[in-house]
C-alpha atoms as a PDB file:
ATOM      1  CA  MET A   1       0.163  -0.044  -0.087  1.00  0.00           C
ATOM      2  CA  MET A   2       2.810   2.251   0.808  1.00  0.00           C
ATOM      3  CA  GLU A   3       4.475   1.896  -2.443  1.00  0.00           C
ATOM      4  CA  ALA A   4       1.256   3.081  -4.092  1.00  0.00           C
ATOM      5  CA  VAL A   5       0.962   5.807  -1.858  1.00  0.00           C
ATOM      6  CA  GLU A   6       4.748   6.817  -2.679  1.00  0.00           C
ATOM      7  CA  LYS A   7       4.319   6.489  -6.649  1.00  0.00           C
ATOM      8  CA  TRP A   8       0.979   8.418  -6.613  1.00  0.00           C
ATOM      9  CA  ALA A   9       2.363  11.322  -4.378  1.00  0.00           C
ATOM     10  CA  ALA A  10       5.932  11.383  -7.055  1.00  0.00           C
ATOM     11  CA  ASP A  11       3.176  11.464  -9.641  1.00  0.00           C
ATOM     12  CA  ASP A  12       1.548  14.581  -8.016  1.00  0.00           C
ATOM     13  CA  PHE A  13       4.793  16.102  -7.202  1.00  0.00           C
ATOM     14  CA  ARG A  14       3.545  15.542  -3.540  1.00  0.00           C
ATOM     15  CA  SER A  15       5.708  14.294  -0.104  1.00  0.00           C
ATOM     16  CA  ILE A  16       3.883  11.366   0.799  1.00  0.00           C
ATOM     17  CA  ASN A  17       3.100  13.207   4.256  1.00  0.00           C
ATOM     18  CA  GLY A  18       1.198  15.648   1.714  1.00  0.00           C
ATOM     19  CA  GLN A  19      -0.229  13.070  -0.327  1.00  0.00           C
ATOM     20  CA  LEU A  20      -1.713  11.490   2.692  1.00  0.00           C
ATOM     21  CA  GLU A  21      -2.987  14.957   4.039  1.00  0.00           C
ATOM     22  CA  TRP A  22      -4.510  15.336   0.452  1.00  0.00           C
ATOM     23  CA  ILE A  23      -6.221  11.947   0.455  1.00  0.00           C
ATOM     24  CA  ILE A  24      -7.815  12.048   4.227  1.00  0.00           C
ATOM     25  CA  HIS A  25      -9.298  16.024   3.197  1.00  0.00           C
ATOM     26  CA  LYS A  26     -10.402  14.706   0.016  1.00  0.00           C
ATOM     27  CA  ALA A  27     -11.945  11.961   1.983  1.00  0.00           C
ATOM     28  CA  LEU A  28     -13.980  14.262   4.558  1.00  0.00           C
ATOM     29  CA  VAL A  29     -15.076  16.225   1.869  1.00  0.00           C
ATOM     30  CA  ASP A  30     -16.332  13.659   0.177  1.00  0.00           C
ATOM     31  CA  ALA A  31     -18.281  12.156   3.459  1.00  0.00           C
ATOM     32  CA  LYS A  32     -19.273  15.877   4.133  1.00  0.00           C
ATOM     33  CA  ARG A  33     -17.313  15.774   7.464  1.00  0.00           C
ATOM     34  CA  SER A  34     -15.251  18.834   6.738  1.00  0.00           C
ATOM     35  CA  LYS A  35     -15.770  21.905   8.492  1.00  0.00           C
ATOM     36  CA  LYS A  36     -15.533  23.536   4.843  1.00  0.00           C
ATOM     37  CA  ASP A  37     -16.798  21.303   2.066  1.00  0.00           C
ATOM     38  CA  THR A  38     -14.872  22.455  -0.561  1.00  0.00           C
ATOM     39  CA  GLU A  39     -12.465  20.710  -2.731  1.00  0.00           C
ATOM     40  CA  ASN A  40      -9.552  23.473  -2.366  1.00  0.00           C
ATOM     41  CA  GLY A  41      -8.509  22.711   0.861  1.00  0.00           C
END
């Protein structure tokens, strides 16, 4: 799983930590559990 996240992060020019943060943020927005339900973080 981590190898897939590492490749995804590299493809998006993000650090692994930045990618995980983006994934979590998107999941929260998609589940309508984010304080600000926007796609722009």
